[in-house]
């Protein structure tokens, strides 16, 4: 499965899986950007990233930590 910037929920789940020890409240948008572009399955134009997309990934990850399993 390839990730694109539109795959915010899927990216959030993958980042949560790869970084289970991380306190999401201490993660910056820059860190989310770096981790996202390092995903082997990430296949999108890096120039398309913006704060709204990164914040959507953050929100999805945060919500999963609260309501997810």
N, C-alpha and C. Protein backbone atom coordinates (compact mmCIF):
# COMPACT_ATOMS: atom_id res chain seq x y z
N UNK A 1 0.84 -1.18 0.00
CA UNK A 1 0.00 0.00 0.00
C UNK A 1 0.88 1.25 0.00
N UNK A 2 0.64 2.12 -0.94
CA UNK A 2 1.40 3.35 -1.03
C UNK A 2 0.71 4.46 -0.23
N UNK A 3 1.51 5.23 0.47
CA UNK A 3 0.99 6.38 1.22
C UNK A 3 1.19 7.64 0.40
N UNK A 4 0.18 8.50 0.44
CA UNK A 4 0.28 9.84 -0.13
C UNK A 4 -0.15 10.82 0.96
N UNK A 5 0.01 12.10 0.69
CA UNK A 5 -0.38 13.10 1.69
C UNK A 5 -1.87 13.04 2.00
N UNK A 6 -2.67 12.49 1.09
CA UNK A 6 -4.10 12.34 1.35
C UNK A 6 -4.41 11.18 2.29
N UNK A 7 -3.45 10.32 2.55
CA UNK A 7 -3.64 9.14 3.40
C UNK A 7 -3.34 9.45 4.86
N UNK A 8 -3.88 10.54 5.38
CA UNK A 8 -3.49 10.98 6.72
C UNK A 8 -3.78 9.93 7.78
N UNK A 9 -4.93 9.29 7.72
CA UNK A 9 -5.28 8.29 8.73
C UNK A 9 -4.36 7.08 8.64
N UNK A 10 -4.11 6.59 7.44
CA UNK A 10 -3.22 5.44 7.25
C UNK A 10 -1.80 5.76 7.70
N UNK A 11 -1.35 6.97 7.40
CA UNK A 11 -0.01 7.39 7.85
C UNK A 11 0.02 7.44 9.37
N UNK A 12 -1.00 8.02 9.98
CA UNK A 12 -1.05 8.10 11.44
C UNK A 12 -0.99 6.72 12.07
N UNK A 13 -1.73 5.77 11.52
CA UNK A 13 -1.69 4.40 12.06
C UNK A 13 -0.31 3.78 11.93
N UNK A 14 0.32 4.01 10.79
CA UNK A 14 1.66 3.44 10.57
C UNK A 14 2.69 4.10 11.49
N UNK A 15 2.62 5.41 11.66
CA UNK A 15 3.55 6.09 12.57
C UNK A 15 3.32 5.63 14.00
N UNK A 16 2.08 5.45 14.37
CA UNK A 16 1.76 4.96 15.72
C UNK A 16 2.33 3.55 15.92
N UNK A 17 2.22 2.72 14.87
CA UNK A 17 2.75 1.35 14.95
C UNK A 17 4.29 1.37 15.05
N UNK A 18 4.92 2.24 14.29
CA UNK A 18 6.39 2.28 14.27
C UNK A 18 7.00 3.00 15.47
N UNK A 19 6.21 3.85 16.13
CA UNK A 19 6.73 4.63 17.25
C UNK A 19 5.81 4.51 18.47
N UNK A 20 5.64 3.30 18.98
CA UNK A 20 4.68 3.10 20.08
C UNK A 20 5.09 3.77 21.39
N UNK A 21 6.35 4.05 21.54
CA UNK A 21 6.85 4.63 22.79
C UNK A 21 6.70 6.15 22.83
N UNK A 22 6.33 6.74 21.71
CA UNK A 22 6.27 8.20 21.60
C UNK A 22 5.03 8.76 22.27
N UNK A 23 5.20 9.83 23.01
CA UNK A 23 4.08 10.60 23.55
C UNK A 23 3.69 11.59 22.45
N UNK A 24 2.55 11.37 21.84
CA UNK A 24 2.13 12.18 20.69
C UNK A 24 2.06 13.66 21.04
N UNK A 25 1.79 13.99 22.29
CA UNK A 25 1.70 15.39 22.68
C UNK A 25 3.04 16.11 22.62
N UNK A 26 4.13 15.35 22.50
CA UNK A 26 5.46 15.94 22.42
C UNK A 26 6.04 15.92 21.02
N UNK A 27 5.26 15.47 20.05
CA UNK A 27 5.74 15.35 18.67
C UNK A 27 5.44 16.64 17.90
N UNK A 28 6.42 17.12 17.19
CA UNK A 28 6.25 18.33 16.38
C UNK A 28 5.78 17.97 14.97
N UNK A 29 5.24 18.95 14.28
CA UNK A 29 4.85 18.73 12.89
C UNK A 29 6.07 18.40 12.04
N UNK A 30 7.20 18.98 12.35
CA UNK A 30 8.44 18.68 11.61
C UNK A 30 8.83 17.22 11.80
N UNK A 31 8.66 16.70 13.01
CA UNK A 31 8.97 15.30 13.26
C UNK A 31 8.01 14.39 12.49
N UNK A 32 6.74 14.74 12.45
CA UNK A 32 5.77 13.97 11.68
C UNK A 32 6.15 13.98 10.20
N UNK A 33 6.55 15.13 9.70
CA UNK A 33 7.00 15.23 8.31
C UNK A 33 8.17 14.28 8.05
N UNK A 34 9.18 14.34 8.91
CA UNK A 34 10.37 13.51 8.72
C UNK A 34 10.03 12.02 8.77
N UNK A 35 9.26 11.62 9.76
CA UNK A 35 8.88 10.21 9.86
C UNK A 35 8.04 9.76 8.67
N UNK A 36 7.16 10.64 8.20
CA UNK A 36 6.29 10.29 7.07
C UNK A 36 7.10 10.07 5.80
N UNK A 37 8.00 10.98 5.49
CA UNK A 37 8.76 10.83 4.25
C UNK A 37 9.76 9.68 4.32
N UNK A 38 10.05 9.20 5.53
CA UNK A 38 10.95 8.06 5.70
C UNK A 38 10.22 6.72 5.57
N UNK A 39 8.90 6.74 5.53
CA UNK A 39 8.16 5.49 5.37
C UNK A 39 8.49 4.88 4.01
N UNK A 40 8.81 3.59 3.99
CA UNK A 40 9.15 2.92 2.74
C UNK A 40 8.04 3.02 1.71
N UNK A 41 6.80 3.02 2.18
CA UNK A 41 5.65 3.02 1.28
C UNK A 41 5.22 4.43 0.86
N UNK A 42 5.91 5.47 1.33
CA UNK A 42 5.50 6.84 1.01
C UNK A 42 5.90 7.17 -0.41
N UNK A 43 4.92 7.59 -1.21
CA UNK A 43 5.16 7.87 -2.63
C UNK A 43 4.41 9.12 -3.07
N UNK A 44 4.80 10.26 -2.57
CA UNK A 44 4.14 11.50 -2.97
C UNK A 44 5.18 12.60 -3.08
N UNK A 45 4.80 13.69 -3.68
CA UNK A 45 5.66 14.83 -3.87
C UNK A 45 5.89 15.52 -2.52
N UNK A 46 7.12 15.60 -2.10
CA UNK A 46 7.45 16.21 -0.80
C UNK A 46 7.03 17.67 -0.75
N UNK A 47 7.01 18.34 -1.88
CA UNK A 47 6.66 19.76 -1.93
C UNK A 47 5.17 20.01 -1.64
N UNK A 48 4.36 18.96 -1.67
CA UNK A 48 2.93 19.12 -1.40
C UNK A 48 2.60 19.17 0.08
N UNK A 49 3.56 18.86 0.91
CA UNK A 49 3.32 18.87 2.36
C UNK A 49 3.05 20.28 2.84
N UNK A 50 2.13 20.39 3.80
CA UNK A 50 1.88 21.68 4.43
C UNK A 50 1.41 21.43 5.86
N UNK A 51 1.30 22.49 6.63
CA UNK A 51 0.93 22.34 8.04
C UNK A 51 -0.44 21.72 8.22
N UNK A 52 -1.38 21.99 7.33
CA UNK A 52 -2.72 21.41 7.45
C UNK A 52 -2.67 19.89 7.32
N UNK A 53 -1.91 19.40 6.36
CA UNK A 53 -1.78 17.95 6.18
C UNK A 53 -1.09 17.33 7.39
N UNK A 54 0.00 17.93 7.82
CA UNK A 54 0.75 17.39 8.95
C UNK A 54 -0.09 17.41 10.22
N UNK A 55 -0.87 18.46 10.39
CA UNK A 55 -1.74 18.54 11.56
C UNK A 55 -2.84 17.48 11.49
N UNK A 56 -3.33 17.19 10.29
CA UNK A 56 -4.34 16.13 10.13
C UNK A 56 -3.77 14.78 10.54
N UNK A 57 -2.52 14.52 10.18
CA UNK A 57 -1.86 13.28 10.59
C UNK A 57 -1.75 13.26 12.12
N UNK A 58 -1.31 14.38 12.68
CA UNK A 58 -1.20 14.50 14.14
C UNK A 58 -2.55 14.23 14.81
N UNK A 59 -3.61 14.84 14.31
CA UNK A 59 -4.94 14.67 14.90
C UNK A 59 -5.40 13.21 14.83
N UNK A 60 -5.19 12.58 13.67
CA UNK A 60 -5.58 11.17 13.52
C UNK A 60 -4.81 10.30 14.51
N UNK A 61 -3.53 10.56 14.66
CA UNK A 61 -2.70 9.80 15.60
C UNK A 61 -3.19 10.04 17.02
N UNK A 62 -3.42 11.29 17.36
CA UNK A 62 -3.89 11.64 18.70
C UNK A 62 -5.22 10.96 19.01
N UNK A 63 -6.15 11.01 18.06
CA UNK A 63 -7.46 10.37 18.25
C UNK A 63 -7.33 8.86 18.42
N UNK A 64 -6.44 8.25 17.67
CA UNK A 64 -6.22 6.81 17.81
C UNK A 64 -5.67 6.47 19.19
N UNK A 65 -4.81 7.32 19.72
CA UNK A 65 -4.28 7.08 21.06
C UNK A 65 -5.37 7.16 22.11
N UNK A 66 -6.35 8.03 21.89
CA UNK A 66 -7.43 8.18 22.85
C UNK A 66 -8.48 7.09 22.69
N UNK A 67 -8.89 6.84 21.43
CA UNK A 67 -10.03 5.96 21.18
C UNK A 67 -9.66 4.62 20.57
N UNK A 68 -8.43 4.50 20.06
CA UNK A 68 -8.02 3.28 19.39
C UNK A 68 -7.67 2.17 20.37
N UNK A 69 -7.38 1.04 19.80
CA UNK A 69 -7.00 -0.13 20.62
C UNK A 69 -5.51 -0.19 20.81
